[in-house]
């Protein structure tokens, strides 16, 4: 029996025996993951002779496709069974009277956006908004993102049909608001841009729709020190700590140069994560000095005007601050979850009254 046949014999039976989404995902990782059986088998091709490499490589790729199709088919079956089970067990008697104790709550995403807005408003930032449906030009071109950049491919971006040129999309970040704001006014600028963003991604830490707050400052004489001071003060205010260890790591973004990832100090013990002093670091946002090409694209002279920009995920900050373990629960529309993590409608964030 050849290596592909040996893998196939057990894999198809294991896939067929899965009775839950979690069990099927474990099988997918065991077979097709970074350290899965197929992946490990493909790694051995480099040491094989040319003829064996050609034959075995083709067989393994065919097996990989076969197993992927089997997993997708089983996933559909399990999803239908789980849906039927939920429909049978989660019935709602609509004839029952409403509960007098039921009350509305502010969603953590809305609350955290208000908290972020309150902090930056105290620093003199205004709020700018833009459309969720954007053009390829504003979402990528004017932000110095080249045609070859992976973010422009279909696997990351929701492109919309019907306009004839394929250049309309759901924005992948709120950075286009910066471009529209700079083109629609005269410097200096000091804005934050909160809003929904969309990407083709879904797992424990990613959802197809999520929320960002991006900010930027354009003025004369702006430098990296202003950026660091602004973000350090924001993080201390947001996490309501007098001191927060902050680390700026060099990174790369097409629209900023230099660019940096921002980490905050934390300590981990078993299932507990504590923000503040500790031996570990946790990434919370990205930032950098606005790239001269971006300024030129907005009609500004980079020799005269400089600025910095930053961006952060709202759900990520909410999870860290309020101990929410799973990103997907933000969008489950579960009233029990909202009653636990939600906020009173009168609890309006402010630096005076407290976040």
C-alpha atoms as a PDB file:
ATOM      1  CA  UNK A   1       0.000   0.000   0.000  1.00  0.00           C
ATOM      2  CA  UNK A   2       1.419   3.401  -1.010  1.00  0.00           C
ATOM      3  CA  UNK A   3       1.680   6.342   1.383  1.00  0.00           C
ATOM      4  CA  UNK A   4      -1.373   8.199  -0.094  1.00  0.00           C
ATOM      5  CA  UNK A   5      -3.438   4.993   0.037  1.00  0.00           C
ATOM      6  CA  UNK A   6      -2.488   4.447   3.679  1.00  0.00           C
ATOM      7  CA  UNK A   7      -3.520   7.999   4.596  1.00  0.00           C
ATOM      8  CA  UNK A   8      -6.761   7.748   2.590  1.00  0.00           C
ATOM      9  CA  UNK A   9      -7.835   4.478   4.204  1.00  0.00           C
ATOM     10  CA  UNK A  10      -7.892   5.940   7.710  1.00  0.00           C
ATOM     11  CA  UNK A  11      -8.727   9.572   6.873  1.00  0.00           C
ATOM     12  CA  UNK A  12     -12.013   8.965   5.051  1.00  0.00           C
ATOM     13  CA  UNK A  13     -13.226   6.676   7.846  1.00  0.00           C
ATOM     14  CA  UNK A  14     -12.255   9.232  10.520  1.00  0.00           C
ATOM     15  CA  UNK A  15     -14.030  12.030   8.643  1.00  0.00           C
ATOM     16  CA  UNK A  16     -17.185   9.931   8.242  1.00  0.00           C
ATOM     17  CA  UNK A  17     -17.164   9.117  11.967  1.00  0.00           C
ATOM     18  CA  UNK A  18     -17.171  12.774  13.073  1.00  0.00           C
ATOM     19  CA  UNK A  19     -20.373  13.761  14.859  1.00  0.00           C
ATOM     20  CA  UNK A  20     -19.686  17.418  15.671  1.00  0.00           C
ATOM     21  CA  UNK A  21     -18.130  20.507  14.118  1.00  0.00           C
ATOM     22  CA  UNK A  22     -15.332  20.480  16.696  1.00  0.00           C
ATOM     23  CA  UNK A  23     -14.448  16.853  15.943  1.00  0.00           C
ATOM     24  CA  UNK A  24     -14.445  17.564  12.220  1.00  0.00           C
ATOM     25  CA  UNK A  25     -12.210  20.600  12.695  1.00  0.00           C
ATOM     26  CA  UNK A  26      -9.759  18.455  14.671  1.00  0.00           C
ATOM     27  CA  UNK A  27      -9.664  16.010  11.766  1.00  0.00           C
ATOM     28  CA  UNK A  28      -9.130  18.826   9.263  1.00  0.00           C
ATOM     29  CA  UNK A  29      -6.160  20.142  11.257  1.00  0.00           C
ATOM     30  CA  UNK A  30      -4.749  16.627  11.716  1.00  0.00           C
ATOM     31  CA  UNK A  31      -4.906  16.003   7.971  1.00  0.00           C
ATOM     32  CA  UNK A  32      -4.524  19.356   6.228  1.00  0.00           C
ATOM     33  CA  UNK A  33      -3.124  21.679   8.906  1.00  0.00           C
ATOM     34  CA  UNK A  34       0.435  22.999   9.069  1.00  0.00           C
ATOM     35  CA  UNK A  35       1.550  19.828  10.840  1.00  0.00           C
ATOM     36  CA  UNK A  36      -1.085  17.534   9.335  1.00  0.00           C
ATOM     37  CA  UNK A  37      -0.474  14.177   7.683  1.00  0.00           C
ATOM     38  CA  UNK A  38      -0.776  15.511   4.125  1.00  0.00           C
ATOM     39  CA  UNK A  39       1.453  18.499   4.839  1.00  0.00           C
ATOM     40  CA  UNK A  40       4.121  16.306   6.437  1.00  0.00           C
ATOM     41  CA  UNK A  41       3.967  13.895   3.500  1.00  0.00           C
ATOM     42  CA  UNK A  42       4.435  16.753   1.030  1.00  0.00           C
ATOM     43  CA  UNK A  43       7.528  17.879   2.946  1.00  0.00           C
ATOM     44  CA  UNK A  44       9.236  14.571   2.191  1.00  0.00           C
ATOM     45  CA  UNK A  45       9.084  15.162  -1.577  1.00  0.00           C
ATOM     46  CA  UNK A  46      12.219  17.303  -1.491  1.00  0.00           C
ATOM     47  CA  UNK A  47      14.395  14.298  -0.673  1.00  0.00           C
ATOM     48  CA  UNK A  48      12.793  11.942  -3.212  1.00  0.00           C
ATOM     49  CA  UNK A  49      14.156  11.220  -6.678  1.00  0.00           C
ATOM     50  CA  UNK A  50      12.577  13.170  -9.591  1.00  0.00           C
ATOM     51  CA  UNK A  51      10.355  10.340 -10.836  1.00  0.00           C
ATOM     52  CA  UNK A  52       9.069   9.486  -7.370  1.00  0.00           C
ATOM     53  CA  UNK A  53       8.576  13.185  -6.608  1.00  0.00           C
ATOM     54  CA  UNK A  54       6.430  13.599  -9.728  1.00  0.00           C
ATOM     55  CA  UNK A  55       4.262  10.532  -9.121  1.00  0.00           C
ATOM     56  CA  UNK A  56       3.929  10.879  -5.349  1.00  0.00           C
ATOM     57  CA  UNK A  57       3.368  14.650  -5.518  1.00  0.00           C
ATOM     58  CA  UNK A  58       0.479  14.248  -7.953  1.00  0.00           C
ATOM     59  CA  UNK A  59      -1.067  11.506  -5.803  1.00  0.00           C
ATOM     60  CA  UNK A  60      -0.804  13.549  -2.612  1.00  0.00           C
ATOM     61  CA  UNK A  61      -2.344  16.637  -4.234  1.00  0.00           C
ATOM     62  CA  UNK A  62      -5.255  14.559  -5.545  1.00  0.00           C
ATOM     63  CA  UNK A  63      -5.697  13.078  -2.070  1.00  0.00           C
ATOM     64  CA  UNK A  64      -5.586  16.545  -0.521  1.00  0.00           C
ATOM     65  CA  UNK A  65      -8.387  17.662  -2.843  1.00  0.00           C
ATOM     66  CA  UNK A  66     -10.387  14.488  -2.131  1.00  0.00           C
ATOM     67  CA  UNK A  67     -10.102  14.946   1.627  1.00  0.00           C
ATOM     68  CA  UNK A  68     -11.016  18.646   1.384  1.00  0.00           C
ATOM     69  CA  UNK A  69     -14.179  17.747  -0.525  1.00  0.00           C
ATOM     70  CA  UNK A  70     -15.017  15.010   1.982  1.00  0.00           C
ATOM     71  CA  UNK A  71     -14.568  17.441   4.876  1.00  0.00           C
ATOM     72  CA  UNK A  72     -16.732  20.090   3.189  1.00  0.00           C
ATOM     73  CA  UNK A  73     -19.459  17.524   2.511  1.00  0.00           C
ATOM     74  CA  UNK A  74     -19.369  16.264   6.092  1.00  0.00           C
ATOM     75  CA  UNK A  75     -19.353  19.847   7.376  1.00  0.00           C
ATOM     76  CA  UNK A  76     -22.598  20.548   5.518  1.00  0.00           C
ATOM     77  CA  UNK A  77     -24.198  17.415   6.952  1.00  0.00           C
ATOM     78  CA  UNK A  78     -23.152  18.247  10.508  1.00  0.00           C
ATOM     79  CA  UNK A  79     -24.254  21.876  10.135  1.00  0.00           C
ATOM     80  CA  UNK A  80     -27.719  20.728   9.044  1.00  0.00           C
ATOM     81  CA  UNK A  81     -27.967  18.276  11.937  1.00  0.00           C
ATOM     82  CA  UNK A  82     -26.829  20.896  14.445  1.00  0.00           C
ATOM     83  CA  UNK A  83     -29.274  23.426  13.010  1.00  0.00           C
ATOM     84  CA  UNK A  84     -32.158  20.953  13.268  1.00  0.00           C
ATOM     85  CA  UNK A  85     -31.158  20.184  16.844  1.00  0.00           C
ATOM     86  CA  UNK A  86     -31.115  23.879  17.724  1.00  0.00           C
ATOM     87  CA  UNK A  87     -34.477  24.446  16.065  1.00  0.00           C
ATOM     88  CA  UNK A  88     -35.913  21.553  18.066  1.00  0.00           C
ATOM     89  CA  UNK A  89     -34.418  22.617  21.405  1.00  0.00           C
ATOM     90  CA  UNK A  90     -34.530  26.417  21.219  1.00  0.00           C
ATOM     91  CA  UNK A  91     -38.174  26.995  20.431  1.00  0.00           C
ATOM     92  CA  UNK A  92     -39.779  30.206  21.637  1.00  0.00           C
ATOM     93  CA  UNK A  93     -43.407  30.341  22.644  1.00  0.00           C
ATOM     94  CA  UNK A  94     -44.481  33.625  21.076  1.00  0.00           C
ATOM     95  CA  UNK A  95     -47.831  33.470  22.917  1.00  0.00           C
ATOM     96  CA  UNK A  96     -46.162  34.074  26.284  1.00  0.00           C
ATOM     97  CA  UNK A  97     -46.402  37.619  27.679  1.00  0.00           C
ATOM     98  CA  UNK A  98     -43.229  39.707  27.788  1.00  0.00           C
ATOM     99  CA  UNK A  99     -41.195  39.654  30.959  1.00  0.00           C
ATOM    100  CA  UNK A 100     -41.526  42.886  32.953  1.00  0.00           C
ATOM    101  CA  UNK A 101     -37.858  42.673  33.998  1.00  0.00           C
ATOM    102  CA  UNK A 102     -36.578  42.657  30.409  1.00  0.00           C
ATOM    103  CA  UNK A 103     -34.556  45.758  29.585  1.00  0.00           C
ATOM    104  CA  UNK A 104     -32.267  46.844  26.789  1.00  0.00           C
ATOM    105  CA  UNK A 105     -28.493  47.025  27.044  1.00  0.00           C
ATOM    106  CA  UNK A 106     -25.778  48.864  25.163  1.00  0.00           C
ATOM    107  CA  UNK A 107     -23.645  46.450  23.147  1.00  0.00           C
ATOM    108  CA  UNK A 108     -19.946  46.303  24.183  1.00  0.00           C
ATOM    109  CA  UNK A 109     -18.886  47.401  20.667  1.00  0.00           C
ATOM    110  CA  UNK A 110     -20.983  50.572  20.933  1.00  0.00           C
ATOM    111  CA  UNK A 111     -19.783  51.209  24.470  1.00  0.00           C
ATOM    112  CA  UNK A 112     -16.089  50.804  23.616  1.00  0.00           C
ATOM    113  CA  UNK A 113     -16.422  53.093  20.576  1.00  0.00           C
ATOM    114  CA  UNK A 114     -17.916  55.712  22.885  1.00  0.00           C
ATOM    115  CA  UNK A 115     -15.075  55.206  25.373  1.00  0.00           C
ATOM    116  CA  UNK A 116     -12.433  55.597  22.657  1.00  0.00           C
ATOM    117  CA  UNK A 117     -14.221  58.658  21.277  1.00  0.00           C
ATOM    118  CA  UNK A 118     -14.392  60.274  24.731  1.00  0.00           C
ATOM    119  CA  UNK A 119     -10.648  59.827  25.262  1.00  0.00           C
ATOM    120  CA  UNK A 120      -9.595  61.214  21.884  1.00  0.00           C
ATOM    121  CA  UNK A 121     -12.168  64.022  22.076  1.00  0.00           C
ATOM    122  CA  UNK A 122     -10.382  65.168  25.223  1.00  0.00           C
ATOM    123  CA  UNK A 123      -7.172  65.280  23.139  1.00  0.00           C
ATOM    124  CA  UNK A 124      -8.839  67.518  20.559  1.00  0.00           C
ATOM    125  CA  UNK A 125      -9.792  64.875  17.960  1.00  0.00           C
ATOM    126  CA  UNK A 126     -12.983  65.202  15.929  1.00  0.00           C
ATOM    127  CA  UNK A 127     -14.972  62.248  14.525  1.00  0.00           C
ATOM    128  CA  UNK A 128     -15.134  61.598  10.774  1.00  0.00           C
ATOM    129  CA  UNK A 129     -17.226  58.998   8.932  1.00  0.00           C
ATOM    130  CA  UNK A 130     -17.279  57.530   5.443  1.00  0.00           C
ATOM    131  CA  UNK A 131     -19.217  55.003   3.321  1.00  0.00           C
ATOM    132  CA  UNK A 132     -19.012  51.258   3.959  1.00  0.00           C
ATOM    133  CA  UNK A 133     -19.083  50.642   0.187  1.00  0.00           C
ATOM    134  CA  UNK A 134     -15.849  52.016  -1.203  1.00  0.00           C
ATOM    135  CA  UNK A 135     -13.981  52.229  -4.481  1.00  0.00           C
ATOM    136  CA  UNK A 136     -10.761  50.363  -5.148  1.00  0.00           C
ATOM    137  CA  UNK A 137      -9.085  53.758  -5.543  1.00  0.00           C
ATOM    138  CA  UNK A 138      -9.897  55.031  -2.056  1.00  0.00           C
ATOM    139  CA  UNK A 139      -9.534  51.674  -0.295  1.00  0.00           C
ATOM    140  CA  UNK A 140      -6.149  50.818  -1.854  1.00  0.00           C
ATOM    141  CA  UNK A 141      -4.620  53.103  -4.495  1.00  0.00           C
ATOM    142  CA  UNK A 142      -4.574  56.385  -2.592  1.00  0.00           C
ATOM    143  CA  UNK A 143      -3.297  54.569   0.503  1.00  0.00           C
ATOM    144  CA  UNK A 144      -0.150  53.491  -1.369  1.00  0.00           C
ATOM    145  CA  UNK A 145      -1.222  49.821  -1.463  1.00  0.00           C
ATOM    146  CA  UNK A 146       0.165  48.332  -4.719  1.00  0.00           C
ATOM    147  CA  UNK A 147      -1.706  46.063  -7.134  1.00  0.00           C
ATOM    148  CA  UNK A 148       0.381  43.076  -6.019  1.00  0.00           C
ATOM    149  CA  UNK A 149      -0.466  43.429  -2.314  1.00  0.00           C
ATOM    150  CA  UNK A 150      -2.142  40.272  -0.870  1.00  0.00           C
ATOM    151  CA  UNK A 151      -4.910  42.336   0.770  1.00  0.00           C
ATOM    152  CA  UNK A 152      -6.255  43.209  -2.687  1.00  0.00           C
ATOM    153  CA  UNK A 153      -6.909  39.595  -3.625  1.00  0.00           C
ATOM    154  CA  UNK A 154     -10.355  38.023  -3.497  1.00  0.00           C
ATOM    155  CA  UNK A 155      -9.569  35.948  -0.397  1.00  0.00           C
ATOM    156  CA  UNK A 156      -9.358  39.083   1.747  1.00  0.00           C
ATOM    157  CA  UNK A 157     -11.706  41.559   0.077  1.00  0.00           C
ATOM    158  CA  UNK A 158     -15.448  41.455  -0.652  1.00  0.00           C
ATOM    159  CA  UNK A 159     -15.681  42.799  -4.214  1.00  0.00           C
ATOM    160  CA  UNK A 160     -19.145  43.773  -5.404  1.00  0.00           C
ATOM    161  CA  UNK A 161     -20.646  42.965  -8.786  1.00  0.00           C
ATOM    162  CA  UNK A 162     -22.930  44.993 -10.976  1.00  0.00           C
ATOM    163  CA  UNK A 163     -20.953  48.151 -11.681  1.00  0.00           C
ATOM    164  CA  UNK A 164     -19.130  46.742 -14.696  1.00  0.00           C
ATOM    165  CA  UNK A 165     -15.537  47.319 -13.617  1.00  0.00           C
ATOM    166  CA  UNK A 166     -15.237  45.155 -10.501  1.00  0.00           C
ATOM    167  CA  UNK A 167     -13.714  48.026  -8.541  1.00  0.00           C
ATOM    168  CA  UNK A 168     -16.437  48.483  -5.923  1.00  0.00           C
ATOM    169  CA  UNK A 169     -15.961  46.704  -2.596  1.00  0.00           C
ATOM    170  CA  UNK A 170     -16.824  46.612   1.082  1.00  0.00           C
ATOM    171  CA  UNK A 171     -14.081  48.601   2.777  1.00  0.00           C
ATOM    172  CA  UNK A 172     -11.421  46.470   4.449  1.00  0.00           C
ATOM    173  CA  UNK A 173     -10.434  49.240   6.887  1.00  0.00           C
ATOM    174  CA  UNK A 174     -11.588  52.734   7.826  1.00  0.00           C
ATOM    175  CA  UNK A 175      -8.456  54.328   6.332  1.00  0.00           C
ATOM    176  CA  UNK A 176     -10.383  55.600   3.257  1.00  0.00           C
ATOM    177  CA  UNK A 177     -12.054  58.052   5.653  1.00  0.00           C
ATOM    178  CA  UNK A 178      -8.644  59.665   6.149  1.00  0.00           C
ATOM    179  CA  UNK A 179      -8.283  60.201   2.398  1.00  0.00           C
ATOM    180  CA  UNK A 180     -11.783  61.645   2.031  1.00  0.00           C
ATOM    181  CA  UNK A 181     -11.263  63.937   5.023  1.00  0.00           C
ATOM    182  CA  UNK A 182      -7.951  65.289   3.734  1.00  0.00           C
ATOM    183  CA  UNK A 183      -9.339  65.813   0.234  1.00  0.00           C
ATOM    184  CA  UNK A 184     -12.426  67.558   1.578  1.00  0.00           C
ATOM    185  CA  UNK A 185     -10.688  70.116   3.790  1.00  0.00           C
ATOM    186  CA  UNK A 186      -7.540  72.027   4.569  1.00  0.00           C
ATOM    187  CA  UNK A 187      -4.861  71.033   7.090  1.00  0.00           C
ATOM    188  CA  UNK A 188      -4.213  70.774   9.961  1.00  0.00           C
ATOM    189  CA  UNK A 189      -6.310  67.649  10.642  1.00  0.00           C
ATOM    190  CA  UNK A 190      -6.982  65.737  13.848  1.00  0.00           C
ATOM    191  CA  UNK A 191      -9.639  63.055  13.394  1.00  0.00           C
ATOM    192  CA  UNK A 192     -10.643  59.569  14.434  1.00  0.00           C
ATOM    193  CA  UNK A 193     -12.727  57.377  12.116  1.00  0.00           C
ATOM    194  CA  UNK A 194     -14.774  54.624  13.835  1.00  0.00           C
ATOM    195  CA  UNK A 195     -16.839  52.221  11.771  1.00  0.00           C
ATOM    196  CA  UNK A 196     -17.546  48.771  10.363  1.00  0.00           C
ATOM    197  CA  UNK A 197     -15.040  46.968   8.143  1.00  0.00           C
ATOM    198  CA  UNK A 198     -15.276  43.737   6.148  1.00  0.00           C
ATOM    199  CA  UNK A 199     -12.861  40.926   5.231  1.00  0.00           C
ATOM    200  CA  UNK A 200     -13.211  37.323   4.005  1.00  0.00           C
ATOM    201  CA  UNK A 201     -12.128  35.674   7.239  1.00  0.00           C
ATOM    202  CA  UNK A 202     -13.931  33.732   9.972  1.00  0.00           C
ATOM    203  CA  UNK A 203     -12.556  31.829  12.978  1.00  0.00           C
ATOM    204  CA  UNK A 204     -12.121  32.172  16.741  1.00  0.00           C
ATOM    205  CA  UNK A 205     -10.351  35.536  16.404  1.00  0.00           C
ATOM    206  CA  UNK A 206     -11.696  36.818  13.057  1.00  0.00           C
ATOM    207  CA  UNK A 207     -15.165  37.638  11.729  1.00  0.00           C
ATOM    208  CA  UNK A 208     -16.272  38.748   8.228  1.00  0.00           C
ATOM    209  CA  UNK A 209     -17.503  42.044   9.707  1.00  0.00           C
ATOM    210  CA  UNK A 210     -15.804  43.842  12.568  1.00  0.00           C
ATOM    211  CA  UNK A 211     -15.167  47.373  13.815  1.00  0.00           C
ATOM    212  CA  UNK A 212     -12.129  49.618  13.755  1.00  0.00           C
ATOM    213  CA  UNK A 213     -11.179  53.033  15.016  1.00  0.00           C
ATOM    214  CA  UNK A 214      -8.459  54.731  13.007  1.00  0.00           C
ATOM    215  CA  UNK A 215      -7.009  58.108  13.788  1.00  0.00           C
ATOM    216  CA  UNK A 216      -4.667  60.550  12.145  1.00  0.00           C
ATOM    217  CA  UNK A 217      -3.024  63.892  12.748  1.00  0.00           C
ATOM    218  CA  UNK A 218      -1.654  66.106   9.965  1.00  0.00           C
ATOM    219  CA  UNK A 219       0.187  69.306  10.880  1.00  0.00           C
ATOM    220  CA  UNK A 220       3.559  71.001  10.568  1.00  0.00           C
ATOM    221  CA  UNK A 221       6.446  69.576  12.576  1.00  0.00           C
ATOM    222  CA  UNK A 222       4.696  66.349  13.590  1.00  0.00           C
ATOM    223  CA  UNK A 223       7.104  63.550  14.562  1.00  0.00           C
ATOM    224  CA  UNK A 224       7.176  60.063  16.084  1.00  0.00           C
ATOM    225  CA  UNK A 225       7.351  61.458  19.605  1.00  0.00           C
ATOM    226  CA  UNK A 226       3.887  62.986  19.195  1.00  0.00           C
ATOM    227  CA  UNK A 227       2.536  59.618  18.046  1.00  0.00           C
ATOM    228  CA  UNK A 228       4.055  57.739  20.991  1.00  0.00           C
ATOM    229  CA  UNK A 229       2.841  60.253  23.537  1.00  0.00           C
ATOM    230  CA  UNK A 230      -0.690  60.249  22.109  1.00  0.00           C
ATOM    231  CA  UNK A 231      -1.032  56.450  22.131  1.00  0.00           C
ATOM    232  CA  UNK A 232       0.551  55.943  25.552  1.00  0.00           C
ATOM    233  CA  UNK A 233      -1.885  58.435  27.096  1.00  0.00           C
ATOM    234  CA  UNK A 234      -4.787  56.763  25.279  1.00  0.00           C
ATOM    235  CA  UNK A 235      -3.874  53.287  26.550  1.00  0.00           C
ATOM    236  CA  UNK A 236      -3.543  54.501  30.140  1.00  0.00           C
ATOM    237  CA  UNK A 237      -6.936  56.203  29.944  1.00  0.00           C
ATOM    238  CA  UNK A 238      -8.687  53.317  28.195  1.00  0.00           C
ATOM    239  CA  UNK A 239      -7.492  50.581  30.563  1.00  0.00           C
ATOM    240  CA  UNK A 240      -7.868  53.003  33.501  1.00  0.00           C
ATOM    241  CA  UNK A 241      -4.348  52.436  34.803  1.00  0.00           C
ATOM    242  CA  UNK A 242      -1.894  55.046  36.037  1.00  0.00           C
ATOM    243  CA  UNK A 243       0.981  53.301  34.234  1.00  0.00           C
ATOM    244  CA  UNK A 244       0.975  50.837  31.333  1.00  0.00           C
ATOM    245  CA  UNK A 245       4.202  49.401  29.901  1.00  0.00           C
ATOM    246  CA  UNK A 246       4.140  50.158  26.148  1.00  0.00           C
ATOM    247  CA  UNK A 247       6.469  48.812  23.464  1.00  0.00           C
ATOM    248  CA  UNK A 248       6.722  49.986  19.846  1.00  0.00           C
ATOM    249  CA  UNK A 249       7.982  47.249  17.495  1.00  0.00           C
ATOM    250  CA  UNK A 250       9.104  48.069  13.930  1.00  0.00           C
ATOM    251  CA  UNK A 251       6.607  46.792  11.367  1.00  0.00           C
ATOM    252  CA  UNK A 252       5.383  47.505   7.844  1.00  0.00           C
ATOM    253  CA  UNK A 253       2.211  49.101   6.492  1.00  0.00           C
ATOM    254  CA  UNK A 254       2.046  50.502   2.945  1.00  0.00           C
ATOM    255  CA  UNK A 255       0.451  53.771   4.104  1.00  0.00           C
ATOM    256  CA  UNK A 256       2.929  54.632   6.906  1.00  0.00           C
ATOM    257  CA  UNK A 257       6.708  54.951   7.060  1.00  0.00           C
ATOM    258  CA  UNK A 258       8.127  54.213   9.561  1.00  0.00           C
ATOM    259  CA  UNK A 259       5.498  51.800  10.883  1.00  0.00           C
ATOM    260  CA  UNK A 260       5.148  50.093  14.254  1.00  0.00           C
ATOM    261  CA  UNK A 261       3.069  47.548  16.150  1.00  0.00           C
ATOM    262  CA  UNK A 262       2.148  48.626  19.677  1.00  0.00           C
ATOM    263  CA  UNK A 263       2.360  46.126  22.550  1.00  0.00           C
ATOM    264  CA  UNK A 264       1.269  46.592  26.140  1.00  0.00           C
ATOM    265  CA  UNK A 265       2.650  44.808  29.177  1.00  0.00           C
ATOM    266  CA  UNK A 266       0.631  41.984  30.682  1.00  0.00           C
ATOM    267  CA  UNK A 267       0.886  38.928  32.895  1.00  0.00           C
ATOM    268  CA  UNK A 268      -0.587  35.505  32.146  1.00  0.00           C
ATOM    269  CA  UNK A 269      -1.422  32.781  34.648  1.00  0.00           C
ATOM    270  CA  UNK A 270      -3.397  29.742  33.433  1.00  0.00           C
ATOM    271  CA  UNK A 271      -6.635  31.202  31.995  1.00  0.00           C
ATOM    272  CA  UNK A 272      -6.157  34.722  33.410  1.00  0.00           C
ATOM    273  CA  UNK A 273      -4.754  37.701  31.528  1.00  0.00           C
ATOM    274  CA  UNK A 274      -3.979  40.877  33.452  1.00  0.00           C
ATOM    275  CA  UNK A 275      -3.145  44.155  31.700  1.00  0.00           C
ATOM    276  CA  UNK A 276      -0.308  46.122  33.268  1.00  0.00           C
ATOM    277  CA  UNK A 277       3.095  45.245  34.640  1.00  0.00           C
ATOM    278  CA  UNK A 278       4.210  41.738  33.810  1.00  0.00           C
ATOM    279  CA  UNK A 279       6.722  39.629  31.933  1.00  0.00           C
ATOM    280  CA  UNK A 280       4.639  39.239  28.745  1.00  0.00           C
ATOM    281  CA  UNK A 281       3.566  41.540  25.934  1.00  0.00           C
ATOM    282  CA  UNK A 282       0.301  41.774  24.014  1.00  0.00           C
ATOM    283  CA  UNK A 283      -0.223  43.478  20.643  1.00  0.00           C
ATOM    284  CA  UNK A 284      -3.121  45.966  20.652  1.00  0.00           C
ATOM    285  CA  UNK A 285      -2.800  48.247  17.600  1.00  0.00           C
ATOM    286  CA  UNK A 286      -0.723  49.419  14.641  1.00  0.00           C
ATOM    287  CA  UNK A 287       0.593  52.879  13.837  1.00  0.00           C
ATOM    288  CA  UNK A 288       3.175  54.936  11.955  1.00  0.00           C
ATOM    289  CA  UNK A 289       4.043  58.209  10.278  1.00  0.00           C
ATOM    290  CA  UNK A 290       1.844  58.934   7.264  1.00  0.00           C
ATOM    291  CA  UNK A 291       3.663  57.936   4.067  1.00  0.00           C
ATOM    292  CA  UNK A 292       4.656  60.879   1.836  1.00  0.00           C
ATOM    293  CA  UNK A 293       2.895  59.206  -1.113  1.00  0.00           C
ATOM    294  CA  UNK A 294      -0.402  59.267   0.790  1.00  0.00           C
ATOM    295  CA  UNK A 295       0.001  62.993   1.434  1.00  0.00           C
ATOM    296  CA  UNK A 296       0.773  63.581  -2.259  1.00  0.00           C
ATOM    297  CA  UNK A 297      -2.306  61.597  -3.276  1.00  0.00           C
ATOM    298  CA  UNK A 298      -4.395  64.007  -1.189  1.00  0.00           C
ATOM    299  CA  UNK A 299      -2.790  67.104  -2.688  1.00  0.00           C
ATOM    300  CA  UNK A 300      -0.554  67.896   0.299  1.00  0.00           C
ATOM    301  CA  UNK A 301       3.146  68.734   0.142  1.00  0.00           C
ATOM    302  CA  UNK A 302       5.040  66.202   2.350  1.00  0.00           C
ATOM    303  CA  UNK A 303       7.869  68.707   2.740  1.00  0.00           C
ATOM    304  CA  UNK A 304       5.446  71.065   4.463  1.00  0.00           C
ATOM    305  CA  UNK A 305       2.968  68.712   6.174  1.00  0.00           C
ATOM    306  CA  UNK A 306       3.672  65.614   8.239  1.00  0.00           C
ATOM    307  CA  UNK A 307       1.465  63.393  10.327  1.00  0.00           C
ATOM    308  CA  UNK A 308       0.865  60.114  12.084  1.00  0.00           C
ATOM    309  CA  UNK A 309      -1.884  57.507  11.869  1.00  0.00           C
ATOM    310  CA  UNK A 310      -3.011  54.570  13.992  1.00  0.00           C
ATOM    311  CA  UNK A 311      -5.662  51.877  13.881  1.00  0.00           C
ATOM    312  CA  UNK A 312      -7.182  49.509  16.425  1.00  0.00           C
ATOM    313  CA  UNK A 313      -9.811  46.755  16.485  1.00  0.00           C
ATOM    314  CA  UNK A 314     -12.774  47.633  18.694  1.00  0.00           C
ATOM    315  CA  UNK A 315     -13.749  44.035  19.464  1.00  0.00           C
ATOM    316  CA  UNK A 316     -10.169  43.180  20.434  1.00  0.00           C
ATOM    317  CA  UNK A 317      -9.989  46.053  22.915  1.00  0.00           C
ATOM    318  CA  UNK A 318     -13.415  45.127  24.303  1.00  0.00           C
ATOM    319  CA  UNK A 319     -12.303  41.513  24.797  1.00  0.00           C
ATOM    320  CA  UNK A 320      -9.162  42.610  26.649  1.00  0.00           C
ATOM    321  CA  UNK A 321     -10.844  45.158  28.884  1.00  0.00           C
ATOM    322  CA  UNK A 322     -14.026  43.259  29.737  1.00  0.00           C
ATOM    323  CA  UNK A 323     -12.814  39.640  29.661  1.00  0.00           C
ATOM    324  CA  UNK A 324     -14.838  38.442  26.668  1.00  0.00           C
ATOM    325  CA  UNK A 325     -13.261  35.131  25.535  1.00  0.00           C
ATOM    326  CA  UNK A 326     -14.711  34.569  22.031  1.00  0.00           C
ATOM    327  CA  UNK A 327     -14.955  37.139  19.231  1.00  0.00           C
ATOM    328  CA  UNK A 328     -17.832  35.331  17.498  1.00  0.00           C
ATOM    329  CA  UNK A 329     -20.205  35.886  20.432  1.00  0.00           C
ATOM    330  CA  UNK A 330     -20.272  39.611  19.608  1.00  0.00           C
ATOM    331  CA  UNK A 331     -22.491  38.783  16.628  1.00  0.00           C
ATOM    332  CA  UNK A 332     -24.617  35.880  17.965  1.00  0.00           C
ATOM    333  CA  UNK A 333     -27.569  38.145  18.879  1.00  0.00           C
ATOM    334  CA  UNK A 334     -27.918  36.227  22.153  1.00  0.00           C
ATOM    335  CA  UNK A 335     -29.870  38.286  24.683  1.00  0.00           C
ATOM    336  CA  UNK A 336     -28.338  36.279  27.548  1.00  0.00           C
ATOM    337  CA  UNK A 337     -24.843  37.262  26.436  1.00  0.00           C
ATOM    338  CA  UNK A 338     -25.871  40.894  26.048  1.00  0.00           C
ATOM    339  CA  UNK A 339     -27.501  40.995  29.463  1.00  0.00           C
ATOM    340  CA  UNK A 340     -24.190  39.798  30.955  1.00  0.00           C
ATOM    341  CA  UNK A 341     -21.732  41.933  28.959  1.00  0.00           C
ATOM    342  CA  UNK A 342     -24.016  44.846  28.034  1.00  0.00           C
ATOM    343  CA  UNK A 343     -24.030  48.323  29.579  1.00  0.00           C
ATOM    344  CA  UNK A 344     -26.737  50.497  31.046  1.00  0.00           C
ATOM    345  CA  UNK A 345     -28.032  53.029  28.542  1.00  0.00           C
ATOM    346  CA  UNK A 346     -27.366  55.864  30.994  1.00  0.00           C
ATOM    347  CA  UNK A 347     -23.757  54.794  31.598  1.00  0.00           C
ATOM    348  CA  UNK A 348     -22.321  57.307  29.126  1.00  0.00           C
ATOM    349  CA  UNK A 349     -18.493  57.192  28.997  1.00  0.00           C
ATOM    350  CA  UNK A 350     -16.608  60.371  29.876  1.00  0.00           C
ATOM    351  CA  UNK A 351     -13.231  61.216  31.339  1.00  0.00           C
ATOM    352  CA  UNK A 352     -15.016  63.240  34.024  1.00  0.00           C
ATOM    353  CA  UNK A 353     -17.563  60.637  35.097  1.00  0.00           C
ATOM    354  CA  UNK A 354     -15.372  57.628  34.323  1.00  0.00           C
ATOM    355  CA  UNK A 355     -15.263  55.174  31.454  1.00  0.00           C
END
